């Protein structure tokens, strides 16, 4: 669960079905009923952003690690010292 930036709503992800919900927070400490916002893939990391927005970390593929053997010799050939 995450609080909205203004502290007036509590955002949660319901697991069945996986949807983002919002509950209004009342000053006496109670929460209103859950209101469905949108479908949400729960394995992503997320946070509430200012306004009516959310930040969601994309599940991007990690960049490949490439090993280059003999790169220094190639660099010297491209830029010979005077």
C-alpha atoms as a PDB file:
ATOM      1  CA  UNK A   1       0.000   0.000   0.000  1.00  0.00           C
ATOM      2  CA  UNK A   2       1.106   3.585  -0.664  1.00  0.00           C
ATOM      3  CA  UNK A   3      -0.267   6.894   0.555  1.00  0.00           C
ATOM      4  CA  UNK A   4      -1.106   9.632  -1.929  1.00  0.00           C
ATOM      5  CA  UNK A   5       1.215  12.629  -1.734  1.00  0.00           C
ATOM      6  CA  UNK A   6      -1.486  14.718  -0.047  1.00  0.00           C
ATOM      7  CA  UNK A   7      -2.262  11.960   2.500  1.00  0.00           C
ATOM      8  CA  UNK A   8      -5.954  11.778   1.595  1.00  0.00           C
ATOM      9  CA  UNK A   9      -5.979   8.399  -0.163  1.00  0.00           C
ATOM     10  CA  UNK A  10      -4.460   4.994   0.392  1.00  0.00           C
ATOM     11  CA  UNK A  11      -3.623   3.089  -2.804  1.00  0.00           C
ATOM     12  CA  UNK A  12      -3.525  -0.698  -2.706  1.00  0.00           C
ATOM     13  CA  UNK A  13      -3.188  -3.552  -5.175  1.00  0.00           C
ATOM     14  CA  UNK A  14      -5.889  -6.185  -4.807  1.00  0.00           C
ATOM     15  CA  UNK A  15      -4.601  -9.603  -5.783  1.00  0.00           C
ATOM     16  CA  UNK A  16      -7.845 -11.072  -7.138  1.00  0.00           C
ATOM     17  CA  UNK A  17      -8.308  -9.534  -9.622  1.00  0.00           C
ATOM     18  CA  UNK A  18      -5.083  -7.559  -9.739  1.00  0.00           C
ATOM     19  CA  UNK A  19      -6.313  -3.985  -9.822  1.00  0.00           C
ATOM     20  CA  UNK A  20      -5.139  -0.723  -8.335  1.00  0.00           C
ATOM     21  CA  UNK A  21      -7.638   0.599  -5.806  1.00  0.00           C
ATOM     22  CA  UNK A  22      -7.975   3.826  -3.838  1.00  0.00           C
ATOM     23  CA  UNK A  23      -9.586   4.372  -0.446  1.00  0.00           C
ATOM     24  CA  UNK A  24     -10.406   7.832   0.863  1.00  0.00           C
ATOM     25  CA  UNK A  25      -8.866   8.558   4.266  1.00  0.00           C
ATOM     26  CA  UNK A  26     -11.110  10.377   6.744  1.00  0.00           C
ATOM     27  CA  UNK A  27      -9.667  12.640   9.481  1.00  0.00           C
ATOM     28  CA  UNK A  28     -11.137  10.479  12.265  1.00  0.00           C
ATOM     29  CA  UNK A  29      -8.911   7.632  11.037  1.00  0.00           C
ATOM     30  CA  UNK A  30     -11.319   5.505   8.981  1.00  0.00           C
ATOM     31  CA  UNK A  31     -10.965   4.457   5.366  1.00  0.00           C
ATOM     32  CA  UNK A  32     -13.745   4.599   2.806  1.00  0.00           C
ATOM     33  CA  UNK A  33     -14.641   1.717   0.485  1.00  0.00           C
ATOM     34  CA  UNK A  34     -12.155   0.595  -2.173  1.00  0.00           C
ATOM     35  CA  UNK A  35     -12.624   2.268  -5.548  1.00  0.00           C
ATOM     36  CA  UNK A  36     -11.234   0.427  -8.606  1.00  0.00           C
ATOM     37  CA  UNK A  37      -8.779   2.521 -10.631  1.00  0.00           C
ATOM     38  CA  UNK A  38      -7.164   0.231 -13.243  1.00  0.00           C
ATOM     39  CA  UNK A  39      -5.736  -3.244 -13.877  1.00  0.00           C
ATOM     40  CA  UNK A  40      -2.229  -3.628 -12.544  1.00  0.00           C
ATOM     41  CA  UNK A  41       0.545  -6.199 -12.895  1.00  0.00           C
ATOM     42  CA  UNK A  42       1.539  -6.717  -9.266  1.00  0.00           C
ATOM     43  CA  UNK A  43       5.162  -7.805  -9.791  1.00  0.00           C
ATOM     44  CA  UNK A  44       6.186  -4.275 -10.830  1.00  0.00           C
ATOM     45  CA  UNK A  45       7.452  -1.833  -8.225  1.00  0.00           C
ATOM     46  CA  UNK A  46       5.337   1.323  -7.988  1.00  0.00           C
ATOM     47  CA  UNK A  47       4.703   4.507  -6.036  1.00  0.00           C
ATOM     48  CA  UNK A  48       2.151   7.314  -6.030  1.00  0.00           C
ATOM     49  CA  UNK A  49       3.345  10.451  -7.810  1.00  0.00           C
ATOM     50  CA  UNK A  50       2.001  13.991  -7.360  1.00  0.00           C
ATOM     51  CA  UNK A  51      -1.338  14.605  -9.055  1.00  0.00           C
ATOM     52  CA  UNK A  52      -3.258  11.753 -10.639  1.00  0.00           C
ATOM     53  CA  UNK A  53      -0.179   9.749 -11.631  1.00  0.00           C
ATOM     54  CA  UNK A  54       1.762   6.686 -10.583  1.00  0.00           C
ATOM     55  CA  UNK A  55       5.405   5.791 -11.086  1.00  0.00           C
ATOM     56  CA  UNK A  56       5.886   2.205 -12.231  1.00  0.00           C
ATOM     57  CA  UNK A  57       9.268   0.538 -12.721  1.00  0.00           C
ATOM     58  CA  UNK A  58       9.259  -1.188 -16.089  1.00  0.00           C
ATOM     59  CA  UNK A  59      10.316  -4.801 -16.176  1.00  0.00           C
ATOM     60  CA  UNK A  60      13.075  -4.107 -18.672  1.00  0.00           C
ATOM     61  CA  UNK A  61      15.581  -6.713 -19.693  1.00  0.00           C
ATOM     62  CA  UNK A  62      18.999  -6.214 -18.146  1.00  0.00           C
ATOM     63  CA  UNK A  63      21.607  -4.920 -20.607  1.00  0.00           C
ATOM     64  CA  UNK A  64      23.944  -7.536 -21.982  1.00  0.00           C
ATOM     65  CA  UNK A  65      27.534  -7.606 -20.783  1.00  0.00           C
ATOM     66  CA  UNK A  66      29.959  -7.686 -23.718  1.00  0.00           C
ATOM     67  CA  UNK A  67      33.628  -8.615 -23.360  1.00  0.00           C
ATOM     68  CA  UNK A  68      36.020  -7.303 -26.021  1.00  0.00           C
ATOM     69  CA  UNK A  69      39.454  -8.838 -26.252  1.00  0.00           C
ATOM     70  CA  UNK A  70      42.308  -6.710 -27.626  1.00  0.00           C
ATOM     71  CA  UNK A  71      40.389  -3.420 -27.667  1.00  0.00           C
ATOM     72  CA  UNK A  72      43.443  -1.399 -26.625  1.00  0.00           C
ATOM     73  CA  UNK A  73      45.414  -2.493 -29.709  1.00  0.00           C
ATOM     74  CA  UNK A  74      42.475  -1.549 -31.917  1.00  0.00           C
ATOM     75  CA  UNK A  75      42.266   1.834 -30.200  1.00  0.00           C
ATOM     76  CA  UNK A  76      45.988   2.481 -30.771  1.00  0.00           C
ATOM     77  CA  UNK A  77      45.575   1.557 -34.470  1.00  0.00           C
ATOM     78  CA  UNK A  78      42.710   4.020 -34.821  1.00  0.00           C
ATOM     79  CA  UNK A  79      44.559   6.850 -33.012  1.00  0.00           C
ATOM     80  CA  UNK A  80      48.317   6.373 -33.384  1.00  0.00           C
ATOM     81  CA  UNK A  81      50.531   8.421 -31.106  1.00  0.00           C
ATOM     82  CA  UNK A  82      52.685  11.030 -32.779  1.00  0.00           C
END
